[in-house]
Amino acid sequence: MQVMVELSLYPLVNEYIPPIQAFIDRLNTYDALSVTTCSTSTQVTGEYSEVMTILGEEMQRTHEEVGQAIFVAKFLNFDAMNARKSS
């Protein structure tokens, strides 16, 4: 099963851009993920279990490196083949 996650990161630090960019850059290193960045969020698509594992690791890393940070996420599960057919 595929999942699409729309994420927004709000580091609770004065210099908030570098932690956001670092998080997005790390997500882009994973071949298993499709990453699309917009001005206020990033969409991550891939196999459900892989996406959840990677996001868990990278969110934890962000919290360890930055301290307090808020992640806001929306999750949509879907079958990529059926989604393409109905478009």
PDB file of N, CA and C in Angstrom:
ATOM      1  N   MET A   1       0.845  -1.179   0.000  1.00  0.00           N
ATOM      2  CA  MET A   1       0.000   0.000   0.000  1.00  0.00           C
ATOM      3  C   MET A   1       0.889   1.240   0.000  1.00  0.00           C
ATOM      4  N   GLN A   2       0.456   2.219  -0.741  1.00  0.00           N
ATOM      5  CA  GLN A   2       1.165   3.495  -0.831  1.00  0.00           C
ATOM      6  C   GLN A   2       0.581   4.481   0.174  1.00  0.00           C
ATOM      7  N   VAL A   3       1.401   5.448   0.574  1.00  0.00           N
ATOM      8  CA  VAL A   3       0.939   6.523   1.439  1.00  0.00           C
ATOM      9  C   VAL A   3       1.536   7.830   0.944  1.00  0.00           C
ATOM     10  N   MET A   4       0.751   8.897   1.083  1.00  0.00           N
ATOM     11  CA  MET A   4       1.248  10.241   0.830  1.00  0.00           C
ATOM     12  C   MET A   4       1.109  10.992   2.137  1.00  0.00           C
ATOM     13  N   VAL A   5       2.204  11.596   2.576  1.00  0.00           N
ATOM     14  CA  VAL A   5       2.216  12.356   3.819  1.00  0.00           C
ATOM     15  C   VAL A   5       2.559  13.796   3.481  1.00  0.00           C
ATOM     16  N   GLU A   6       1.726  14.704   3.928  1.00  0.00           N
ATOM     17  CA  GLU A   6       2.008  16.126   3.776  1.00  0.00           C
ATOM     18  C   GLU A   6       2.503  16.620   5.130  1.00  0.00           C
ATOM     19  N   LEU A   7       3.737  17.099   5.171  1.00  0.00           N
ATOM     20  CA  LEU A   7       4.391  17.489   6.418  1.00  0.00           C
ATOM     21  C   LEU A   7       4.741  18.961   6.435  1.00  0.00           C
ATOM     22  N   SER A   8       4.559  19.556   7.584  1.00  0.00           N
ATOM     23  CA  SER A   8       5.080  20.899   7.847  1.00  0.00           C
ATOM     24  C   SER A   8       5.893  20.813   9.126  1.00  0.00           C
ATOM     25  N   LEU A   9       7.046  21.457   9.136  1.00  0.00           N
ATOM     26  CA  LEU A   9       7.943  21.443  10.291  1.00  0.00           C
ATOM     27  C   LEU A   9       8.085  22.862  10.817  1.00  0.00           C
ATOM     28  N   TYR A  10       7.899  23.003  12.127  1.00  0.00           N
ATOM     29  CA  TYR A  10       8.028  24.299  12.787  1.00  0.00           C
ATOM     30  C   TYR A  10       9.031  24.175  13.931  1.00  0.00           C
ATOM     31  N   PRO A  11      10.330  24.371  13.650  1.00  0.00           N
ATOM     32  CA  PRO A  11      11.325  24.326  14.726  1.00  0.00           C
ATOM     33  C   PRO A  11      11.127  25.528  15.650  1.00  0.00           C
ATOM     34  N   LEU A  12      11.152  25.306  16.941  1.00  0.00           N
ATOM     35  CA  LEU A  12      10.953  26.385  17.899  1.00  0.00           C
ATOM     36  C   LEU A  12      12.299  26.998  18.277  1.00  0.00           C
ATOM     37  N   VAL A  13      12.961  27.535  17.253  1.00  0.00           N
ATOM     38  CA  VAL A  13      14.257  28.199  17.399  1.00  0.00           C
ATOM     39  C   VAL A  13      14.241  29.463  16.554  1.00  0.00           C
ATOM     40  N   ASN A  14      15.125  30.400  16.859  1.00  0.00           N
ATOM     41  CA  ASN A  14      15.182  31.651  16.097  1.00  0.00           C
ATOM     42  C   ASN A  14      15.573  31.425  14.640  1.00  0.00           C
ATOM     43  N   GLU A  15      16.575  30.603  14.416  1.00  0.00           N
ATOM     44  CA  GLU A  15      17.032  30.290  13.053  1.00  0.00           C
ATOM     45  C   GLU A  15      16.313  29.021  12.598  1.00  0.00           C
ATOM     46  N   TYR A  16      15.111  29.169  12.065  1.00  0.00           N
ATOM     47  CA  TYR A  16      14.271  28.015  11.760  1.00  0.00           C
ATOM     48  C   TYR A  16      14.471  27.438  10.361  1.00  0.00           C
ATOM     49  N   ILE A  17      14.995  28.216   9.431  1.00  0.00           N
ATOM     50  CA  ILE A  17      15.173  27.730   8.054  1.00  0.00           C
ATOM     51  C   ILE A  17      16.186  26.584   7.964  1.00  0.00           C
ATOM     52  N   PRO A  18      17.374  26.673   8.575  1.00  0.00           N
ATOM     53  CA  PRO A  18      18.341  25.576   8.437  1.00  0.00           C
ATOM     54  C   PRO A  18      17.820  24.208   8.888  1.00  0.00           C
ATOM     55  N   PRO A  19      17.109  24.088  10.019  1.00  0.00           N
ATOM     56  CA  PRO A  19      16.603  22.755  10.376  1.00  0.00           C
ATOM     57  C   PRO A  19      15.548  22.226   9.392  1.00  0.00           C
ATOM     58  N   ILE A  20      14.730  23.118   8.861  1.00  0.00           N
ATOM     59  CA  ILE A  20      13.736  22.698   7.869  1.00  0.00           C
ATOM     60  C   ILE A  20      14.439  22.201   6.612  1.00  0.00           C
ATOM     61  N   GLN A  21      15.417  22.967   6.131  1.00  0.00           N
ATOM     62  CA  GLN A  21      16.144  22.575   4.921  1.00  0.00           C
ATOM     63  C   GLN A  21      16.911  21.276   5.133  1.00  0.00           C
ATOM     64  N   ALA A  22      17.503  21.110   6.308  1.00  0.00           N
ATOM     65  CA  ALA A  22      18.244  19.876   6.604  1.00  0.00           C
ATOM     66  C   ALA A  22      17.309  18.663   6.574  1.00  0.00           C
ATOM     67  N   PHE A  23      16.118  18.810   7.143  1.00  0.00           N
ATOM     68  CA  PHE A  23      15.141  17.720   7.153  1.00  0.00           C
ATOM     69  C   PHE A  23      14.739  17.355   5.724  1.00  0.00           C
ATOM     70  N   ILE A  24      14.429  18.358   4.913  1.00  0.00           N
ATOM     71  CA  ILE A  24      14.048  18.102   3.519  1.00  0.00           C
ATOM     72  C   ILE A  24      15.201  17.481   2.742  1.00  0.00           C
ATOM     73  N   ASP A  25      16.396  17.978   2.943  1.00  0.00           N
ATOM     74  CA  ASP A  25      17.570  17.426   2.254  1.00  0.00           C
ATOM     75  C   ASP A  25      17.763  15.956   2.601  1.00  0.00           C
ATOM     76  N   ARG A  26      17.584  15.610   3.875  1.00  0.00           N
ATOM     77  CA  ARG A  26      17.737  14.206   4.283  1.00  0.00           C
ATOM     78  C   ARG A  26      16.667  13.341   3.632  1.00  0.00           C
ATOM     79  N   LEU A  27      15.418  13.822   3.576  1.00  0.00           N
ATOM     80  CA  LEU A  27      14.359  13.043   2.933  1.00  0.00           C
ATOM     81  C   LEU A  27      14.692  12.769   1.471  1.00  0.00           C
ATOM     82  N   ASN A  28      15.295  13.747   0.814  1.00  0.00           N
ATOM     83  CA  ASN A  28      15.638  13.598  -0.607  1.00  0.00           C
ATOM     84  C   ASN A  28      16.754  12.593  -0.856  1.00  0.00           C
ATOM     85  N   THR A  29      17.432  12.113   0.168  1.00  0.00           N
ATOM     86  CA  THR A  29      18.497  11.117  -0.025  1.00  0.00           C
ATOM     87  C   THR A  29      17.958   9.698  -0.129  1.00  0.00           C
ATOM     88  N   TYR A  30      16.685   9.494   0.186  1.00  0.00           N
ATOM     89  CA  TYR A  30      16.097   8.153   0.176  1.00  0.00           C
ATOM     90  C   TYR A  30      15.475   7.851  -1.185  1.00  0.00           C
ATOM     91  N   ASP A  31      15.975   6.811  -1.840  1.00  0.00           N
ATOM     92  CA  ASP A  31      15.430   6.399  -3.138  1.00  0.00           C
ATOM     93  C   ASP A  31      13.992   5.898  -3.023  1.00  0.00           C
ATOM     94  N   ALA A  32      13.610   5.399  -1.859  1.00  0.00           N
ATOM     95  CA  ALA A  32      12.271   4.833  -1.657  1.00  0.00           C
ATOM     96  C   ALA A  32      11.189   5.905  -1.567  1.00  0.00           C
ATOM     97  N   LEU A  33      11.592   7.171  -1.437  1.00  0.00           N
ATOM     98  CA  LEU A  33      10.628   8.250  -1.269  1.00  0.00           C
ATOM     99  C   LEU A  33      10.549   9.121  -2.510  1.00  0.00           C
ATOM    100  N   SER A  34       9.345   9.597  -2.778  1.00  0.00           N
ATOM    101  CA  SER A  34       9.149  10.671  -3.747  1.00  0.00           C
ATOM    102  C   SER A  34       8.843  11.911  -2.909  1.00  0.00           C
ATOM    103  N   VAL A  35       9.648  12.960  -3.059  1.00  0.00           N
ATOM    104  CA  VAL A  35       9.538  14.149  -2.212  1.00  0.00           C
ATOM    105  C   VAL A  35       9.239  15.368  -3.080  1.00  0.00           C
ATOM    106  N   THR A  36       8.169  16.070  -2.733  1.00  0.00           N
ATOM    107  CA  THR A  36       7.787  17.300  -3.423  1.00  0.00           C
ATOM    108  C   THR A  36       7.678  18.399  -2.383  1.00  0.00           C
ATOM    109  N   THR A  37       8.458  19.461  -2.549  1.00  0.00           N
ATOM    110  CA  THR A  37       8.471  20.546  -1.580  1.00  0.00           C
ATOM    111  C   THR A  37       7.711  21.745  -2.116  1.00  0.00           C
ATOM    112  N   CYS A  38       6.812  22.256  -1.290  1.00  0.00           N
ATOM    113  CA  CYS A  38       6.050  23.465  -1.597  1.00  0.00           C
ATOM    114  C   CYS A  38       6.483  24.546  -0.611  1.00  0.00           C
ATOM    115  N   SER A  39       5.867  25.693  -0.678  1.00  0.00           N
ATOM    116  CA  SER A  39       6.297  26.798   0.181  1.00  0.00           C
ATOM    117  C   SER A  39       5.979  26.566   1.658  1.00  0.00           C
ATOM    118  N   THR A  40       4.929  25.828   1.972  1.00  0.00           N
ATOM    119  CA  THR A  40       4.566  25.642   3.382  1.00  0.00           C
ATOM    120  C   THR A  40       4.558  24.190   3.835  1.00  0.00           C
ATOM    121  N   SER A  41       4.812  23.253   2.932  1.00  0.00           N
ATOM    122  CA  SER A  41       4.798  21.844   3.319  1.00  0.00           C
ATOM    123  C   SER A  41       5.616  21.029   2.327  1.00  0.00           C
ATOM    124  N   THR A  42       5.848  19.788   2.721  1.00  0.00           N
ATOM    125  CA  THR A  42       6.547  18.836   1.871  1.00  0.00           C
ATOM    126  C   THR A  42       5.695  17.586   1.779  1.00  0.00           C
ATOM    127  N   GLN A  43       5.509  17.072   0.560  1.00  0.00           N
ATOM    128  CA  GLN A  43       4.754  15.846   0.356  1.00  0.00           C
ATOM    129  C   GLN A  43       5.717  14.700   0.115  1.00  0.00           C
ATOM    130  N   VAL A  44       5.521  13.639   0.889  1.00  0.00           N
ATOM    131  CA  VAL A  44       6.366  12.455   0.810  1.00  0.00           C
ATOM    132  C   VAL A  44       5.474  11.284   0.417  1.00  0.00           C
ATOM    133  N   THR A  45       5.844  10.585  -0.647  1.00  0.00           N
ATOM    134  CA  THR A  45       5.058   9.450  -1.128  1.00  0.00           C
ATOM    135  C   THR A  45       5.957   8.233  -1.247  1.00  0.00           C
ATOM    136  N   GLY A  46       5.394   7.079  -0.927  1.00  0.00           N
ATOM    137  CA  GLY A  46       6.128   5.829  -1.062  1.00  0.00           C
ATOM    138  C   GLY A  46       5.367   4.692  -0.426  1.00  0.00           C
ATOM    139  N   GLU A  47       6.041   3.547  -0.333  1.00  0.00           N
ATOM    140  CA  GLU A  47       5.457   2.378   0.303  1.00  0.00           C
ATOM    141  C   GLU A  47       5.233   2.677   1.779  1.00  0.00           C
ATOM    142  N   TYR A  48       4.037   2.374   2.270  1.00  0.00           N
ATOM    143  CA  TYR A  48       3.597   2.773   3.609  1.00  0.00           C
ATOM    144  C   TYR A  48       4.636   2.477   4.692  1.00  0.00           C
ATOM    145  N   SER A  49       5.082   1.237   4.793  1.00  0.00           N
ATOM    146  CA  SER A  49       5.993   0.869   5.885  1.00  0.00           C
ATOM    147  C   SER A  49       7.337   1.579   5.764  1.00  0.00           C
ATOM    148  N   GLU A  50       7.831   1.738   4.552  1.00  0.00           N
ATOM    149  CA  GLU A  50       9.107   2.436   4.357  1.00  0.00           C
ATOM    150  C   GLU A  50       8.992   3.913   4.727  1.00  0.00           C
ATOM    151  N   VAL A  51       7.919   4.551   4.282  1.00  0.00           N
ATOM    152  CA  VAL A  51       7.714   5.972   4.580  1.00  0.00           C
ATOM    153  C   VAL A  51       7.632   6.180   6.088  1.00  0.00           C
ATOM    154  N   MET A  52       6.856   5.351   6.763  1.00  0.00           N
ATOM    155  CA  MET A  52       6.685   5.512   8.202  1.00  0.00           C
ATOM    156  C   MET A  52       7.991   5.294   8.957  1.00  0.00           C
ATOM    157  N   THR A  53       8.780   4.317   8.539  1.00  0.00           N
ATOM    158  CA  THR A  53      10.073   4.056   9.183  1.00  0.00           C
ATOM    159  C   THR A  53      11.025   5.236   8.987  1.00  0.00           C
ATOM    160  N   ILE A  54      11.135   5.698   7.755  1.00  0.00           N
ATOM    161  CA  ILE A  54      12.039   6.805   7.442  1.00  0.00           C
ATOM    162  C   ILE A  54      11.614   8.072   8.164  1.00  0.00           C
ATOM    163  N   LEU A  55      10.325   8.390   8.112  1.00  0.00           N
ATOM    164  CA  LEU A  55       9.856   9.603   8.791  1.00  0.00           C
ATOM    165  C   LEU A  55      10.108   9.523  10.293  1.00  0.00           C
ATOM    166  N   GLY A  56       9.869   8.372  10.888  1.00  0.00           N
ATOM    167  CA  GLY A  56      10.128   8.212  12.314  1.00  0.00           C
ATOM    168  C   GLY A  56      11.582   8.492  12.661  1.00  0.00           C
ATOM    169  N   GLU A  57      12.489   7.934  11.870  1.00  0.00           N
ATOM    170  CA  GLU A  57      13.924   8.140  12.113  1.00  0.00           C
ATOM    171  C   GLU A  57      14.319   9.597  11.921  1.00  0.00           C
ATOM    172  N   GLU A  58      13.845  10.201  10.844  1.00  0.00           N
ATOM    173  CA  GLU A  58      14.251  11.573  10.537  1.00  0.00           C
ATOM    174  C   GLU A  58      13.589  12.600  11.457  1.00  0.00           C
ATOM    175  N   MET A  59      12.363  12.337  11.881  1.00  0.00           N
ATOM    176  CA  MET A  59      11.722  13.232  12.843  1.00  0.00           C
ATOM    177  C   MET A  59      12.440  13.159  14.185  1.00  0.00           C
ATOM    178  N   GLN A  60      12.812  11.955  14.601  1.00  0.00           N
ATOM    179  CA  GLN A  60      13.561  11.812  15.849  1.00  0.00           C
ATOM    180  C   GLN A  60      14.898  12.541  15.757  1.00  0.00           C
ATOM    181  N   ARG A  61      15.580  12.389  14.627  1.00  0.00           N
ATOM    182  CA  ARG A  61      16.858  13.085  14.436  1.00  0.00           C
ATOM    183  C   ARG A  61      16.683  14.596  14.543  1.00  0.00           C
ATOM    184  N   THR A  62      15.623  15.116  13.931  1.00  0.00           N
ATOM    185  CA  THR A  62      15.348  16.553  14.011  1.00  0.00           C
ATOM    186  C   THR A  62      15.139  16.977  15.457  1.00  0.00           C
ATOM    187  N   HIS A  63      14.353  16.228  16.206  1.00  0.00           N
ATOM    188  CA  HIS A  63      14.118  16.569  17.612  1.00  0.00           C
ATOM    189  C   HIS A  63      15.412  16.512  18.420  1.00  0.00           C
ATOM    190  N   GLU A  64      16.259  15.536  18.136  1.00  0.00           N
ATOM    191  CA  GLU A  64      17.530  15.429  18.855  1.00  0.00           C
ATOM    192  C   GLU A  64      18.465  16.587  18.524  1.00  0.00           C
ATOM    193  N   GLU A  65      18.486  17.001  17.267  1.00  0.00           N
ATOM    194  CA  GLU A  65      19.403  18.057  16.836  1.00  0.00           C
ATOM    195  C   GLU A  65      18.890  19.463  17.152  1.00  0.00           C
ATOM    196  N   VAL A  66      17.581  19.670  17.037  1.00  0.00           N
ATOM    197  CA  VAL A  66      17.001  21.003  17.158  1.00  0.00           C
ATOM    198  C   VAL A  66      16.445  21.269  18.548  1.00  0.00           C
ATOM    199  N   GLY A  67      15.994  20.225  19.199  1.00  0.00           N
ATOM    200  CA  GLY A  67      15.260  20.402  20.448  1.00  0.00           C
ATOM    201  C   GLY A  67      13.792  20.424  20.126  1.00  0.00           C
ATOM    202  N   GLN A  68      13.076  21.399  20.636  1.00  0.00           N
ATOM    203  CA  GLN A  68      11.638  21.427  20.403  1.00  0.00           C
ATOM    204  C   GLN A  68      11.321  21.842  18.972  1.00  0.00           C
ATOM    205  N   ALA A  69      10.456  21.051  18.368  1.00  0.00           N
ATOM    206  CA  ALA A  69       9.995  21.312  17.008  1.00  0.00           C
ATOM    207  C   ALA A  69       8.627  20.668  16.860  1.00  0.00           C
ATOM    208  N   ILE A  70       7.785  21.310  16.091  1.00  0.00           N
ATOM    209  CA  ILE A  70       6.438  20.804  15.846  1.00  0.00           C
ATOM    210  C   ILE A  70       6.375  20.249  14.425  1.00  0.00           C
ATOM    211  N   PHE A  71       5.871  19.033  14.293  1.00  0.00           N
ATOM    212  CA  PHE A  71       5.571  18.453  12.988  1.00  0.00           C
ATOM    213  C   PHE A  71       4.054  18.381  12.858  1.00  0.00           C
ATOM    214  N   VAL A  72       3.524  18.879  11.754  1.00  0.00           N
ATOM    215  CA  VAL A  72       2.105  18.749  11.447  1.00  0.00           C
ATOM    216  C   VAL A  72       2.030  17.877  10.204  1.00  0.00           C
ATOM    217  N   ALA A  73       1.220  16.807  10.269  1.00  0.00           N
ATOM    218  CA  ALA A  73       1.180  15.858   9.155  1.00  0.00           C
ATOM    219  C   ALA A  73      -0.245  15.450   8.814  1.00  0.00           C
ATOM    220  N   LYS A  74      -0.440  15.197   7.524  1.00  0.00           N
ATOM    221  CA  LYS A  74      -1.679  14.609   7.013  1.00  0.00           C
ATOM    222  C   LYS A  74      -1.275  13.351   6.256  1.00  0.00           C
ATOM    223  N   PHE A  75      -2.002  12.273   6.471  1.00  0.00           N
ATOM    224  CA  PHE A  75      -1.689  10.991   5.852  1.00  0.00           C
ATOM    225  C   PHE A  75      -2.841  10.551   4.952  1.00  0.00           C
ATOM    226  N   LEU A  76      -2.501  10.114   3.743  1.00  0.00           N
ATOM    227  CA  LEU A  76      -3.487   9.592   2.811  1.00  0.00           C
ATOM    228  C   LEU A  76      -2.952   8.275   2.254  1.00  0.00           C
ATOM    229  N   ASN A  77      -3.655   7.185   2.555  1.00  0.00           N
ATOM    230  CA  ASN A  77      -3.253   5.907   1.964  1.00  0.00           C
ATOM    231  C   ASN A  77      -3.960   5.752   0.624  1.00  0.00           C
ATOM    232  N   PHE A  78      -3.277   5.135  -0.334  1.00  0.00           N
ATOM    233  CA  PHE A  78      -3.887   4.943  -1.648  1.00  0.00           C
ATOM    234  C   PHE A  78      -3.150   3.890  -2.416  1.00  0.00           C
ATOM    235  N   ASP A  79      -3.779   3.402  -3.443  1.00  0.00           N
ATOM    236  CA  ASP A  79      -3.188   2.456  -4.383  1.00  0.00           C
ATOM    237  C   ASP A  79      -2.779   3.266  -5.597  1.00  0.00           C
ATOM    238  N   ALA A  80      -1.486   3.392  -5.843  1.00  0.00           N
ATOM    239  CA  ALA A  80      -0.978   4.246  -6.928  1.00  0.00           C
ATOM    240  C   ALA A  80      -1.545   3.873  -8.279  1.00  0.00           C
ATOM    241  N   MET A  81      -1.723   2.593  -8.560  1.00  0.00           N
ATOM    242  CA  MET A  81      -2.243   2.172  -9.860  1.00  0.00           C
ATOM    243  C   MET A  81      -3.695   2.630 -10.035  1.00  0.00           C
ATOM    244  N   ASN A  82      -4.530   2.464  -9.021  1.00  0.00           N
ATOM    245  CA  ASN A  82      -5.921   2.899  -9.124  1.00  0.00           C
ATOM    246  C   ASN A  82      -6.036   4.411  -9.176  1.00  0.00           C
ATOM    247  N   ALA A  83      -5.140   5.118  -8.481  1.00  0.00           N
ATOM    248  CA  ALA A  83      -5.168   6.573  -8.506  1.00  0.00           C
ATOM    249  C   ALA A  83      -4.876   7.092  -9.913  1.00  0.00           C
ATOM    250  N   ARG A  84      -3.957   6.442 -10.633  1.00  0.00           N
ATOM    251  CA  ARG A  84      -3.624   6.862 -11.997  1.00  0.00           C
ATOM    252  C   ARG A  84      -4.778   6.580 -12.964  1.00  0.00           C
ATOM    253  N   LYS A  85      -5.468   5.444 -12.773  1.00  0.00           N
ATOM    254  CA  LYS A  85      -6.558   5.066 -13.668  1.00  0.00           C
ATOM    255  C   LYS A  85      -7.743   6.009 -13.549  1.00  0.00           C
ATOM    256  N   SER A  86      -8.014   6.514 -12.333  1.00  0.00           N
ATOM    257  CA  SER A  86      -9.161   7.374 -12.150  1.00  0.00           C
ATOM    258  C   SER A  86      -8.890   8.831 -12.492  1.00  0.00           C
ATOM    259  N   SER A  87      -7.641   9.173 -12.798  1.00  0.00           N
ATOM    260  CA  SER A  87      -7.309  10.576 -13.128  1.00  0.00           C
ATOM    261  C   SER A  87      -7.705  10.905 -14.534  1.00  0.00           C
TER     262      SER A  87
END
